Amino acid sequence: MTITELRTQCDEQPFHPFILHLADGRQIPVNHPYYVAYAPNGRSVIVYQLNNSYNVVDLRLVTDLEVSPNGESPQPTS
């Protein structure tokens, strides 16, 4: 995934929460566009969670971006 593709999804109006699926099987929920911080080099992002934890994501490892069709926050599966 490229930073441009991620920015496009985050800039959707209205915003729809989504999940980033990573090559190692992790699933990172993105609940709000303000919770994403972009690295200047465009290679990685930091995604903050509702509990103030965060994930550092190498965008080259994103295999899928899942958006809930009904606009609700999709839930990561275990």
Protein backbone atom coordinates (compact mmCIF):
# COMPACT_ATOMS: atom_id res chain seq x y z
CA MET A 1 0.00 0.00 0.00
CA THR A 2 1.19 3.52 -0.68
CA ILE A 3 0.84 6.54 1.56
CA THR A 4 -1.31 8.16 -1.14
CA GLU A 5 -3.79 5.27 -1.02
CA LEU A 6 -3.99 5.48 2.76
CA ARG A 7 -4.43 9.27 2.72
CA THR A 8 -7.22 8.89 0.17
CA GLN A 9 -9.07 6.48 2.46
CA CYS A 10 -8.53 8.71 5.50
CA ASP A 11 -9.78 11.77 3.58
CA GLU A 12 -13.07 10.11 2.53
CA GLN A 13 -16.11 12.18 3.46
CA PRO A 14 -17.82 10.93 5.42
CA PHE A 15 -15.00 8.98 7.04
CA HIS A 16 -15.58 5.24 7.43
CA PRO A 17 -13.44 3.37 10.00
CA PHE A 18 -11.33 0.60 8.49
CA ILE A 19 -8.84 -2.15 9.30
CA LEU A 20 -5.32 -2.47 7.92
CA HIS A 21 -4.42 -6.15 7.41
CA LEU A 22 -0.69 -6.84 7.62
CA ALA A 23 1.39 -9.60 6.06
CA ASP A 24 2.13 -11.10 9.50
CA GLY A 25 -1.60 -11.53 10.23
CA ARG A 26 -2.04 -8.49 12.49
CA GLN A 27 -5.10 -6.31 12.03
CA ILE A 28 -4.85 -2.63 12.88
CA PRO A 29 -8.13 -0.71 13.28
CA VAL A 30 -8.20 2.91 12.14
CA ASN A 31 -11.08 4.56 14.01
CA HIS A 32 -10.56 8.20 13.00
CA PRO A 33 -8.37 9.99 10.44
CA TYR A 34 -6.83 12.13 13.18
CA TYR A 35 -5.41 8.94 14.73
CA VAL A 36 -2.98 8.44 11.82
CA ALA A 37 0.45 10.14 11.78
CA TYR A 38 2.42 9.94 8.53
CA ALA A 39 6.20 9.56 8.43
CA PRO A 40 7.93 12.20 6.29
CA ASN A 41 9.48 9.51 4.06
CA GLY A 42 6.03 8.09 3.21
CA ARG A 43 7.00 4.57 4.15
CA SER A 44 5.35 4.17 7.54
CA VAL A 45 2.54 5.48 9.70
CA ILE A 46 1.67 5.48 13.37
CA VAL A 47 -1.92 4.49 14.12
CA TYR A 48 -3.20 5.52 17.55
CA GLN A 49 -5.89 3.47 19.27
CA LEU A 50 -8.79 4.54 21.50
CA ASN A 51 -6.89 3.37 24.62
CA ASN A 52 -3.85 5.61 23.75
CA SER A 53 -1.73 2.69 22.57
CA TYR A 54 -0.32 2.88 19.05
CA ASN A 55 0.99 0.74 16.20
CA VAL A 56 3.89 1.61 13.92
CA VAL A 57 3.01 0.23 10.48
CA ASP A 58 5.35 -0.25 7.51
CA LEU A 59 2.98 0.42 4.60
CA ARG A 60 4.82 -2.10 2.42
CA LEU A 61 3.47 -4.81 4.74
CA VAL A 62 -0.20 -3.85 4.35
CA THR A 63 -1.94 -6.57 2.34
CA ASP A 64 -5.54 -5.33 2.55
CA LEU A 65 -7.64 -2.41 3.69
CA GLU A 66 -11.06 -3.51 4.98
CA VAL A 67 -13.91 -1.02 5.15
CA SER A 68 -17.20 -1.97 6.77
CA PRO A 69 -20.02 -1.67 4.22
CA ASN A 70 -22.46 -0.25 6.79
CA GLY A 71 -20.14 2.51 8.03
CA GLU A 72 -19.71 0.99 11.48
CA SER A 73 -16.28 0.31 12.92
CA PRO A 74 -15.16 -3.09 11.64
CA GLN A 75 -13.93 -5.40 14.37
CA PRO A 76 -10.58 -7.18 13.97
CA THR A 77 -10.89 -10.95 14.05
CA SER A 78 -8.59 -12.96 16.27
